[in-house]
Amino acid sequence: MHCSRQSLVLCRNRVALVCLAAAVVVLAASRFPVRSSGNVPAAQALESVVLPAQGSCGFTLGFAALRTLVGTETIGECLEDEHFNPGNGNAEQRTARGLLVWRKADNWTAFTDGYVTWVNGPLGVQRRLNTQRFDWEGDAGASGTEVIDASPAPGAQPAVTVLAAGDVAGCAPAQRAGADATARLLDTHPGAVLVLGDAAYDSGTADEFQRCYAPTWGRHVERTYPAPGNHEYLTPGAAGYFAYFGAAAGEAGRGYYSYRLGDWLVVSLNSNCAAVGGCGAGSTQDRWLRATLAANPVRCTLAYMHHPRFSSGEHGGDVTLEPLWRALYDGGADLVLAGHDHNYERFAPQTPSGQADPQRGLRSFVVGTGGVGTRAIPRQVPNSEVRRTGTLGVLKLTLAAAGYDWDFIPVAGQTFRDTGSASCH
């Protein structure tokens, strides 16, 4: 059988011949990394895969989330566990009704039943025939395919909830107790979980992720969207971080990605600049960020990373992040979240250089209150509106079509709250 460069072909024993589109879906519900550009290689036939008995396999991480989103009846039960296909570098899993695929080339996931493909791209979950391509797909216009408009129907999406904090879990008794306390907040609040870096102390090793993070915030890994912190990079290449979160962390070695939540574009950035070739104007990450913002002309945008551009805390603000802030400002973004300093702080909207700008400025939060402890706030920098140390907790954001609400939720036994609302630009 010959497979064209514009499609993926799955040959299934006793079931169906499947052609899967070249650009597939982002991880749904808990994984929505933005696709990269470039040619997409064809998949290999999988007749050689030995299937376990039905019932001995399971769905994990992104495939589990995609099955929930598309529907368990549509995708069916698993016929094998997720596995790496060395022929194309993809993760794949056969089901009773088709094929789940995570593509190394562009970080999308998809499901096809041999006739229809479910796509969760930059505009959310969409469905098309295998002979069609959405206009945002890399091989739109390929020979033999019909290009269709991917624009969503008019009308606002329901508001979505985000729960965010960084500096989360260590194995020392006090650090573990803090992570346990904030994890209990996640237990009782639905929504996407944003980890603002430094998930596992002290060095982000695979062992620390399993012993310190997994028993606490790891209970919610299926709905987690992480960003890497400096402690993750104390393990070379942040290998423990990328191994633990898998495709949810974006491409290994890069660690930045974007996705859609409701009407919002959400961008996870890697503020460990030296590890990704810099964060300056014209850097790879800067160019990617500007392209992503240009390709997604939405009203409301949220970005998050580990290091703060502005902070009154012990570490203070990081001026090397100004170019990324400039890209966000130029692209009309609204909110920026960070951790690193172990305290809570809210800033009024401001420019990348720190000038107050109530009309177009970026409102930012430092939420380094995920569990490892808090530290003193030695100063007050301009435009800082609220500062708090000594309280662990998470920031809850409610993201609506034209604005957002914020609410800092403390752990049990604490009373500090910070709430408010604002409109998008």
Protein backbone atom coordinates (compact mmCIF):
# COMPACT_ATOMS: atom_id res chain seq x y z
CA MET A 1 0.00 0.00 0.00
CA HIS A 2 1.28 3.49 -0.88
CA CYS A 3 0.70 6.40 1.56
CA SER A 4 0.86 9.97 0.30
CA ARG A 5 2.76 12.68 2.16
CA GLN A 6 -0.51 14.52 2.76
CA SER A 7 -2.20 11.82 4.80
CA LEU A 8 -1.66 9.25 7.50
CA VAL A 9 -2.71 5.71 6.67
CA LEU A 10 -3.76 3.13 9.17
CA CYS A 11 -4.24 -0.43 7.98
CA ARG A 12 -6.34 -2.23 10.55
CA ASN A 13 -6.78 -6.02 10.64
CA ARG A 14 -10.41 -7.01 10.02
CA VAL A 15 -11.70 -3.50 10.55
CA ALA A 16 -11.12 -0.67 8.04
CA LEU A 17 -8.63 1.22 5.95
CA VAL A 18 -8.06 4.60 7.55
CA CYS A 19 -6.58 7.77 6.08
CA LEU A 20 -5.93 10.34 8.78
CA ALA A 21 -5.30 13.98 7.95
CA ALA A 22 -1.84 15.46 8.14
CA ALA A 23 -2.55 18.00 10.83
CA VAL A 24 -4.38 16.48 13.67
CA VAL A 25 -5.73 17.70 17.00
CA VAL A 26 -4.40 19.25 20.11
CA LEU A 27 -4.85 17.44 23.30
CA ALA A 28 -8.39 18.19 24.28
CA ALA A 29 -9.67 19.23 27.72
CA SER A 30 -6.30 18.83 29.32
CA ARG A 31 -3.88 19.28 26.44
CA PHE A 32 -4.04 21.94 23.72
CA PRO A 33 -0.52 22.70 22.48
CA VAL A 34 -0.38 24.89 19.38
CA ARG A 35 0.71 23.14 16.15
CA SER A 36 4.01 23.92 14.56
CA SER A 37 4.55 24.46 10.87
CA GLY A 38 6.32 22.17 8.47
CA ASN A 39 5.67 19.10 6.40
CA VAL A 40 4.00 16.19 8.09
CA PRO A 41 5.42 12.72 7.39
CA ALA A 42 3.18 9.82 6.54
CA ALA A 43 2.45 7.21 9.17
CA GLN A 44 3.41 3.58 8.83
CA ALA A 45 0.99 0.69 8.70
CA LEU A 46 0.61 -1.00 12.08
CA GLU A 47 -0.30 -4.60 11.25
CA SER A 48 2.75 -5.79 13.21
CA VAL A 49 1.47 -4.44 16.55
CA VAL A 50 0.47 -7.28 18.88
CA LEU A 51 -2.79 -6.42 20.62
CA PRO A 52 -3.46 -7.44 24.21
CA ALA A 53 -6.75 -8.94 25.17
CA GLN A 54 -9.53 -6.34 25.38
CA GLY A 55 -9.85 -5.17 28.97
CA SER A 56 -6.14 -5.38 29.75
CA CYS A 57 -5.37 -1.94 28.27
CA GLY A 58 -6.37 1.59 29.25
CA PHE A 59 -6.44 5.23 28.18
CA THR A 60 -4.07 7.76 29.75
CA LEU A 61 -3.33 11.49 29.64
CA GLY A 62 -4.23 13.13 26.33
CA PHE A 63 -5.93 10.11 24.80
CA ALA A 64 -8.11 9.75 27.88
CA ALA A 65 -9.03 13.42 27.67
CA LEU A 66 -9.79 13.24 23.94
CA ARG A 67 -11.99 10.17 24.48
CA THR A 68 -13.96 12.06 27.11
CA LEU A 69 -14.38 15.06 24.84
CA VAL A 70 -15.34 13.22 21.66
CA GLY A 71 -17.36 10.56 23.48
CA THR A 72 -16.65 7.10 24.79
CA GLU A 73 -19.21 5.53 22.45
CA THR A 74 -17.62 7.19 19.42
CA ILE A 75 -14.07 6.13 20.26
CA GLY A 76 -14.90 2.80 21.86
CA GLU A 77 -12.84 0.61 24.14
CA CYS A 78 -9.09 0.24 23.76
CA LEU A 79 -7.56 -2.64 21.85
CA GLU A 80 -4.02 -1.84 22.99
CA ASP A 81 -2.14 0.55 25.22
CA GLU A 82 -0.72 3.77 23.86
CA HIS A 83 2.65 3.03 22.27
CA PHE A 84 5.44 4.74 20.38
CA ASN A 85 5.62 4.05 16.65
CA PRO A 86 9.33 4.23 15.72
CA GLY A 87 8.44 4.50 12.06
CA ASN A 88 6.98 7.98 12.39
CA GLY A 89 7.70 9.13 15.94
CA ASN A 90 4.01 9.30 16.84
CA ALA A 91 2.16 7.93 19.83
CA GLU A 92 -0.74 5.76 18.68
CA GLN A 93 -3.49 3.61 20.15
CA ARG A 94 -6.04 1.45 18.38
CA THR A 95 -9.57 1.33 19.68
CA ALA A 96 -12.60 -0.74 18.81
CA ARG A 97 -13.79 2.06 16.52
CA GLY A 98 -10.66 3.64 15.08
CA LEU A 99 -7.28 5.15 15.88
CA LEU A 100 -6.00 7.74 18.36
CA VAL A 101 -2.82 9.54 17.33
CA TRP A 102 -0.48 12.05 18.95
CA ARG A 103 1.82 13.47 16.31
CA LYS A 104 5.41 14.28 17.15
CA ALA A 105 5.64 16.63 14.17
CA ASP A 106 3.07 19.14 15.36
CA ASN A 107 1.89 18.15 18.87
CA TRP A 108 -1.74 17.59 17.86
CA THR A 109 -3.91 14.64 18.78
CA ALA A 110 -6.82 13.24 16.81
CA PHE A 111 -9.25 10.40 16.44
CA THR A 112 -10.38 8.90 13.14
CA ASP A 113 -12.92 6.16 12.50
CA GLY A 114 -11.73 5.73 8.91
CA TYR A 115 -14.26 8.17 7.46
CA VAL A 116 -14.47 11.11 9.88
CA THR A 117 -11.68 12.84 11.84
CA TRP A 118 -12.32 14.76 15.06
CA VAL A 119 -9.99 17.75 15.23
CA ASN A 120 -9.36 19.94 18.25
CA GLY A 121 -7.26 22.68 16.76
CA PRO A 122 -6.91 26.42 17.38
CA LEU A 123 -10.69 26.85 17.26
CA GLY A 124 -11.60 23.98 19.56
CA VAL A 125 -13.09 20.59 18.72
CA GLN A 126 -14.17 20.31 15.08
CA ARG A 127 -15.20 17.43 12.87
CA ARG A 128 -14.49 16.85 9.20
CA LEU A 129 -14.29 14.11 6.60
CA ASN A 130 -10.91 12.52 6.00
CA THR A 131 -10.98 13.94 2.48
CA GLN A 132 -11.25 17.49 3.84
CA ARG A 133 -8.83 19.92 5.47
CA PHE A 134 -9.62 22.93 7.61
CA ASP A 135 -8.16 26.16 6.30
CA TRP A 136 -5.72 26.35 9.24
CA GLU A 137 -4.22 22.92 8.56
CA GLY A 138 -0.71 22.73 7.17
CA ASP A 139 -1.65 20.78 4.04
CA ALA A 140 -4.85 22.69 3.22
CA GLY A 141 -5.23 22.60 -0.54
CA ALA A 142 -3.36 19.33 -0.95
CA SER A 143 -4.29 17.36 -4.02
CA GLY A 144 -7.57 15.51 -3.62
CA THR A 145 -8.72 17.42 -0.52
CA GLU A 146 -11.46 19.97 -0.04
CA VAL A 147 -10.58 23.06 2.01
CA ILE A 148 -13.33 24.14 4.39
CA ASP A 149 -13.73 27.26 6.53
CA ALA A 150 -12.80 26.51 10.16
CA SER A 151 -14.33 29.68 11.58
CA PRO A 152 -16.67 28.88 14.48
CA ALA A 153 -20.32 29.78 14.34
CA PRO A 154 -21.17 33.15 15.93
CA GLY A 155 -21.93 33.15 19.64
CA ALA A 156 -19.96 33.21 22.84
CA GLN A 157 -18.70 30.03 24.46
CA PRO A 158 -19.55 29.31 28.12
CA ALA A 159 -17.20 30.82 30.69
CA VAL A 160 -14.34 28.53 31.74
CA THR A 161 -12.44 28.27 35.02
CA VAL A 162 -8.69 28.26 35.56
CA LEU A 163 -6.85 27.40 38.81
CA ALA A 164 -3.24 28.57 38.88
CA ALA A 165 -0.17 28.55 41.14
CA GLY A 166 3.51 27.78 40.92
CA ASP A 167 6.23 26.55 43.27
CA VAL A 168 4.23 23.52 44.25
CA ALA A 169 5.63 20.34 45.76
CA GLY A 170 8.67 19.24 47.72
CA CYS A 171 9.25 16.09 49.71
CA ALA A 172 10.40 17.83 52.89
CA PRO A 173 7.60 17.51 55.48
CA ALA A 174 6.58 21.18 55.48
CA GLN A 175 6.67 21.38 51.69
CA ARG A 176 4.65 18.20 51.33
CA ALA A 177 2.08 19.50 53.82
CA GLY A 178 1.74 22.72 51.80
CA ALA A 179 1.25 20.85 48.53
CA ASP A 180 -1.30 18.58 50.20
CA ALA A 181 -3.24 21.64 51.37
CA THR A 182 -3.35 23.34 47.96
CA ALA A 183 -4.13 20.04 46.23
CA ARG A 184 -7.24 19.77 48.40
CA LEU A 185 -8.38 23.08 46.87
CA LEU A 186 -8.04 21.50 43.44
CA ASP A 187 -10.04 18.51 44.68
CA THR A 188 -13.06 20.75 45.29
CA HIS A 189 -12.79 23.20 42.38
CA PRO A 190 -13.29 22.18 38.75
CA GLY A 191 -11.38 23.81 35.94
CA ALA A 192 -8.08 23.77 34.09
CA VAL A 193 -5.01 23.60 36.33
CA LEU A 194 -2.10 25.85 35.33
CA VAL A 195 1.23 24.98 36.96
CA LEU A 196 3.37 28.15 36.91
CA GLY A 197 6.69 26.33 37.10
CA ASP A 198 8.76 24.66 39.81
CA ALA A 199 6.31 21.80 40.14
CA ALA A 200 8.74 19.42 41.89
CA TYR A 201 11.51 20.45 44.28
CA ASP A 202 14.39 20.52 44.56
CA SER A 203 15.62 19.64 41.10
CA GLY A 204 12.65 18.38 39.09
CA THR A 205 14.01 14.84 38.87
CA ALA A 206 11.81 11.96 37.78
CA ASP A 207 11.98 10.62 41.35
CA GLU A 208 10.87 13.96 42.83
CA PHE A 209 7.96 14.18 40.42
CA GLN A 210 6.83 10.72 41.46
CA ARG A 211 7.39 11.11 45.23
CA CYS A 212 6.51 14.78 45.74
CA TYR A 213 4.25 16.04 42.95
CA ALA A 214 2.31 12.95 41.84
CA PRO A 215 0.63 12.26 45.23
CA THR A 216 -0.56 15.88 45.52
CA TRP A 217 -1.20 17.98 42.42
CA GLY A 218 -0.55 14.92 40.29
CA ARG A 219 -4.06 13.78 41.17
CA HIS A 220 -5.19 16.36 38.61
CA VAL A 221 -2.63 15.72 35.88
CA GLU A 222 -5.37 15.00 33.33
CA ARG A 223 -6.50 18.65 33.45
CA THR A 224 -3.09 20.24 33.95
CA TYR A 225 -1.31 22.64 31.58
CA PRO A 226 2.23 23.19 32.89
CA ALA A 227 4.99 25.73 32.32
CA PRO A 228 8.59 24.86 33.27
CA GLY A 229 10.44 26.57 36.12
CA ASN A 230 14.10 27.03 36.94
CA HIS A 231 14.08 24.10 39.39
CA GLU A 232 12.97 21.79 36.56
CA TYR A 233 16.12 22.78 34.67
CA LEU A 234 18.36 21.71 37.54
CA THR A 235 17.87 18.36 35.86
CA PRO A 236 19.58 18.68 32.46
CA GLY A 237 17.11 19.58 29.76
CA ALA A 238 14.27 19.52 32.33
CA ALA A 239 14.11 15.82 31.46
CA GLY A 240 12.07 14.87 34.54
CA TYR A 241 9.48 17.55 33.77
CA PHE A 242 9.04 16.61 30.12
CA ALA A 243 8.93 12.91 30.94
CA TYR A 244 6.27 13.38 33.61
CA PHE A 245 3.92 15.69 31.72
CA GLY A 246 4.59 14.25 28.27
CA ALA A 247 2.85 15.95 25.36
CA ALA A 248 1.05 18.25 27.79
CA ALA A 249 4.33 20.16 28.30
CA GLY A 250 4.78 20.93 24.63
CA GLU A 251 7.69 19.77 22.55
CA ALA A 252 10.62 18.60 24.68
CA GLY A 253 13.44 21.08 24.48
CA ARG A 254 11.00 23.89 23.70
CA GLY A 255 8.32 23.85 26.38
CA TYR A 256 6.02 26.58 25.03
CA TYR A 257 2.66 26.01 23.40
CA SER A 258 -0.85 27.46 23.16
CA TYR A 259 -4.44 26.28 23.24
CA ARG A 260 -8.02 27.55 23.41
CA LEU A 261 -10.20 27.57 26.51
CA GLY A 262 -13.70 28.79 25.74
CA ASP A 263 -13.35 32.12 23.93
CA TRP A 264 -9.80 32.65 25.21
CA LEU A 265 -6.44 32.03 23.64
CA VAL A 266 -4.06 30.71 26.31
CA VAL A 267 -0.27 30.72 25.85
CA SER A 268 2.20 28.83 28.04
CA LEU A 269 5.70 30.30 27.70
CA ASN A 270 9.15 29.09 28.72
CA SER A 271 10.86 31.84 30.72
CA ASN A 272 14.04 29.76 31.18
CA CYS A 273 15.48 31.79 28.34
CA ALA A 274 18.95 30.29 28.18
CA ALA A 275 17.45 26.82 27.71
CA VAL A 276 15.44 27.82 24.63
CA GLY A 277 17.82 30.04 22.73
CA GLY A 278 16.91 33.29 24.46
CA CYS A 279 13.79 35.38 24.91
CA GLY A 280 14.94 38.45 23.03
CA ALA A 281 13.27 40.17 20.11
CA GLY A 282 13.58 37.90 17.10
CA SER A 283 14.32 34.79 19.16
CA THR A 284 12.62 31.57 18.16
CA GLN A 285 10.12 31.82 21.01
CA ASP A 286 9.42 35.49 20.29
CA ARG A 287 8.73 34.79 16.61
CA TRP A 288 6.53 31.82 17.53
CA LEU A 289 4.58 33.92 20.03
CA ARG A 290 3.96 36.73 17.56
CA ALA A 291 2.86 34.26 14.89
CA THR A 292 0.53 32.52 17.32
CA LEU A 293 -1.11 35.79 18.37
CA ALA A 294 -1.49 36.87 14.74
CA ALA A 295 -3.07 33.55 13.78
CA ASN A 296 -5.60 33.73 16.62
CA PRO A 297 -7.29 37.16 16.50
CA VAL A 298 -9.44 36.70 19.60
CA ARG A 299 -10.57 39.38 22.03
CA CYS A 300 -9.15 37.78 25.20
CA THR A 301 -5.68 36.27 25.72
CA LEU A 302 -4.00 34.83 28.82
CA ALA A 303 -0.28 34.04 29.01
CA TYR A 304 1.68 32.37 31.78
CA MET A 305 5.27 31.43 32.56
CA HIS A 306 7.43 30.84 35.62
CA HIS A 307 9.45 34.04 36.00
CA PRO A 308 7.64 37.36 36.49
CA ARG A 309 8.40 40.45 34.45
CA PHE A 310 7.45 42.53 37.50
CA SER A 311 7.57 41.51 41.16
CA SER A 312 8.04 43.05 44.60
CA GLY A 313 9.23 39.70 45.93
CA GLU A 314 12.64 38.37 46.84
CA HIS A 315 13.76 37.64 43.27
CA GLY A 316 12.15 40.71 41.73
CA GLY A 317 11.18 41.25 38.11
CA ASP A 318 13.10 39.86 35.15
CA VAL A 319 13.84 42.47 32.48
CA THR A 320 14.95 39.82 29.99
CA LEU A 321 11.27 38.94 29.59
CA GLU A 322 10.39 42.40 28.26
CA PRO A 323 10.47 41.27 24.58
CA LEU A 324 7.94 38.50 25.27
CA TRP A 325 5.80 41.01 27.14
CA ARG A 326 6.18 43.35 24.16
CA ALA A 327 4.88 40.63 21.83
CA LEU A 328 1.92 40.05 24.15
CA TYR A 329 1.25 43.79 24.44
CA ASP A 330 1.45 44.28 20.67
CA GLY A 331 -0.89 41.32 20.21
CA GLY A 332 -3.53 42.73 22.56
CA ALA A 333 -3.15 40.18 25.37
CA ASP A 334 -4.90 40.81 28.69
CA LEU A 335 -3.42 38.70 31.51
CA VAL A 336 0.00 37.33 32.46
CA LEU A 337 0.56 34.86 35.33
CA ALA A 338 3.90 33.87 36.90
CA GLY A 339 5.39 32.25 40.00
CA HIS A 340 9.05 32.13 41.13
CA ASP A 341 8.64 34.57 44.02
CA HIS A 342 6.94 32.66 46.83
CA ASN A 343 4.14 35.11 47.51
CA TYR A 344 0.98 36.54 45.96
CA GLU A 345 0.93 39.85 44.13
CA ARG A 346 -1.45 41.60 41.72
CA PHE A 347 -0.44 44.41 39.40
CA ALA A 348 -2.48 47.06 37.64
CA PRO A 349 -2.40 46.93 33.82
CA GLN A 350 0.95 48.20 32.56
CA THR A 351 3.21 48.29 29.54
CA PRO A 352 6.20 45.97 29.03
CA SER A 353 8.46 48.73 30.36
CA GLY A 354 6.36 49.24 33.50
CA GLN A 355 4.26 52.29 32.66
CA ALA A 356 0.66 52.29 33.89
CA ASP A 357 -1.72 51.70 30.97
CA PRO A 358 -5.34 51.12 32.00
CA GLN A 359 -6.53 50.91 28.37
CA ARG A 360 -4.12 48.45 26.74
CA GLY A 361 -1.84 47.30 29.55
CA LEU A 362 -1.26 43.74 30.70
CA ARG A 363 -2.62 42.87 34.14
CA SER A 364 -0.26 40.45 35.87
CA PHE A 365 -0.26 38.20 38.91
CA VAL A 366 2.54 36.50 40.79
CA VAL A 367 1.17 33.30 42.32
CA GLY A 368 4.12 31.44 43.86
CA THR A 369 1.85 30.03 46.55
CA GLY A 370 1.46 26.43 45.39
CA GLY A 371 2.83 24.73 48.49
CA VAL A 372 6.60 24.87 49.07
CA GLY A 373 6.30 27.87 51.38
CA THR A 374 6.25 31.65 51.31
CA ARG A 375 8.92 34.32 51.62
CA ALA A 376 9.10 37.96 52.63
CA ILE A 377 8.21 40.76 50.23
CA PRO A 378 11.08 43.24 50.68
CA ARG A 379 9.85 46.07 48.45
CA GLN A 380 6.90 47.57 46.60
CA VAL A 381 7.47 48.19 42.92
CA PRO A 382 5.35 50.57 40.82
CA ASN A 383 1.85 49.50 39.80
CA SER A 384 1.66 46.82 42.51
CA GLU A 385 -1.88 46.83 43.86
CA VAL A 386 -2.01 43.88 46.29
CA ARG A 387 0.76 41.90 48.00
CA ARG A 388 0.51 38.97 50.41
CA THR A 389 2.96 36.55 51.96
CA GLY A 390 2.37 33.83 54.54
CA THR A 391 -0.68 32.41 52.72
CA LEU A 392 -0.68 29.41 50.40
CA GLY A 393 -3.45 29.05 47.85
CA VAL A 394 -4.45 29.16 44.20
CA LEU A 395 -5.69 31.88 41.90
CA LYS A 396 -9.08 31.11 40.37
CA LEU A 397 -9.87 32.86 37.10
CA THR A 398 -13.27 32.77 35.45
CA LEU A 399 -12.74 33.49 31.75
CA ALA A 400 -15.84 34.77 29.97
CA ALA A 401 -16.31 35.95 26.39
CA ALA A 402 -15.49 39.60 27.07
CA GLY A 403 -13.84 39.67 30.49
CA TYR A 404 -12.63 37.82 33.53
CA ASP A 405 -13.02 37.52 37.30
CA TRP A 406 -10.19 36.72 39.71
CA ASP A 407 -10.33 35.20 43.18
CA PHE A 408 -7.34 34.14 45.25
CA ILE A 409 -8.49 31.12 47.28
CA PRO A 410 -6.42 30.37 50.41
CA VAL A 411 -5.85 26.96 51.94
CA ALA A 412 -8.00 25.82 54.85
CA GLY A 413 -7.41 27.88 57.97
CA GLN A 414 -6.39 31.03 56.09
CA THR A 415 -8.68 33.99 55.38
CA PHE A 416 -6.89 36.26 52.88
CA ARG A 417 -8.84 36.78 49.63
CA ASP A 418 -8.32 39.02 46.64
CA THR A 419 -11.21 39.32 44.17
CA GLY A 420 -12.09 41.49 41.22
CA SER A 421 -13.32 41.71 37.65
CA ALA A 422 -12.21 43.38 34.42
CA SER A 423 -13.03 43.49 30.73
CA CYS A 424 -10.79 42.29 27.93
CA HIS A 425 -9.26 44.84 25.56
